[in-house]
Amino acid sequence: MKPRLNPIHKKGARNVYCPHYGDCLDYAIEVAWQYWNCSDCIEKTNHAARPDFRFRSNDTIDYFDVPLELYKGV
């Protein structure tokens, strides 16, 4: 395991956006952990890789426009 990684063998939250998530997951699989978390890791709040979702259900802008030609009877 790389020295910067610090997965903990207990149930808890994981940061799937962490740049080291894959390495921690590989380690947890290697040592046959059923669960693990990021509570002691310095990267636990790093969300730099989190995608910016443009459309959400609470957006005030419509996420699609339907041309009038597609409406029947208009």
Protein backbone atom coordinates (compact mmCIF):
# COMPACT_ATOMS: atom_id res chain seq x y z
CA MET A 1 0.00 0.00 0.00
CA LYS A 2 1.25 3.49 -0.79
CA PRO A 3 2.16 5.54 2.31
CA ARG A 4 -0.31 8.33 1.46
CA LEU A 5 -3.28 5.95 1.43
CA ASN A 6 -5.02 5.20 4.69
CA PRO A 7 -8.15 3.06 4.36
CA ILE A 8 -9.65 1.91 7.65
CA HIS A 9 -11.21 -1.52 8.14
CA LYS A 10 -14.58 -0.46 9.53
CA LYS A 11 -17.93 0.58 8.10
CA GLY A 12 -18.29 4.20 7.14
CA ALA A 13 -18.26 6.72 4.31
CA ARG A 14 -15.94 6.51 1.33
CA ASN A 15 -14.96 9.29 -1.03
CA VAL A 16 -15.43 7.82 -4.51
CA TYR A 17 -14.09 11.06 -6.02
CA CYS A 18 -10.71 10.73 -4.29
CA PRO A 19 -7.80 10.34 -6.72
CA HIS A 20 -6.61 7.34 -4.65
CA TYR A 21 -9.98 5.58 -4.35
CA GLY A 22 -9.02 2.86 -6.82
CA ASP A 23 -5.78 2.11 -4.97
CA CYS A 24 -7.59 1.89 -1.63
CA LEU A 25 -10.23 -0.35 -3.17
CA ASP A 26 -7.50 -2.59 -4.59
CA TYR A 27 -5.88 -2.78 -1.16
CA ALA A 28 -9.18 -3.61 0.55
CA ILE A 29 -9.74 -6.40 -1.96
CA GLU A 30 -6.18 -7.67 -1.53
CA VAL A 31 -6.59 -8.01 2.24
CA ALA A 32 -10.18 -9.35 1.84
CA TRP A 33 -12.00 -6.56 3.68
CA GLN A 34 -15.76 -6.67 3.30
CA TYR A 35 -16.01 -2.97 4.11
CA TRP A 36 -13.70 0.00 4.64
CA ASN A 37 -13.85 3.78 4.93
CA CYS A 38 -11.84 6.96 4.45
CA SER A 39 -12.23 8.48 7.94
CA ASP A 40 -8.49 8.76 8.70
CA CYS A 41 -7.37 9.80 5.22
CA ILE A 42 -6.24 13.35 4.42
CA GLU A 43 -8.02 13.06 1.06
CA LYS A 44 -11.44 12.22 2.58
CA THR A 45 -12.87 15.60 1.60
CA ASN A 46 -11.13 15.91 -1.78
CA HIS A 47 -13.88 16.16 -4.40
CA ALA A 48 -11.72 17.56 -7.21
CA ALA A 49 -12.69 14.73 -9.55
CA ARG A 50 -16.42 15.12 -8.90
CA PRO A 51 -18.23 15.74 -12.19
CA ASP A 52 -20.19 18.93 -12.60
CA PHE A 53 -23.71 17.78 -13.35
CA ARG A 54 -25.33 20.41 -15.49
CA PHE A 55 -28.90 19.27 -15.09
CA ARG A 56 -30.52 18.41 -11.82
CA SER A 57 -34.11 18.03 -10.79
CA ASN A 58 -33.98 21.29 -8.85
CA ASP A 59 -32.66 23.40 -11.77
CA THR A 60 -34.91 26.28 -12.74
CA ILE A 61 -34.00 26.03 -16.43
CA ASP A 62 -35.66 23.35 -18.58
CA TYR A 63 -33.21 20.64 -19.49
CA PHE A 64 -34.75 19.98 -22.90
CA ASP A 65 -36.54 21.92 -25.59
CA VAL A 66 -39.03 20.25 -27.88
CA PRO A 67 -39.49 21.95 -31.25
CA LEU A 68 -43.05 22.99 -32.01
CA GLU A 69 -42.98 20.87 -35.17
CA LEU A 70 -43.02 17.75 -33.00
CA TYR A 71 -46.27 18.63 -31.26
CA LYS A 72 -49.28 17.07 -32.94
CA GLY A 73 -52.15 19.43 -33.53
CA VAL A 74 -50.26 22.67 -33.06
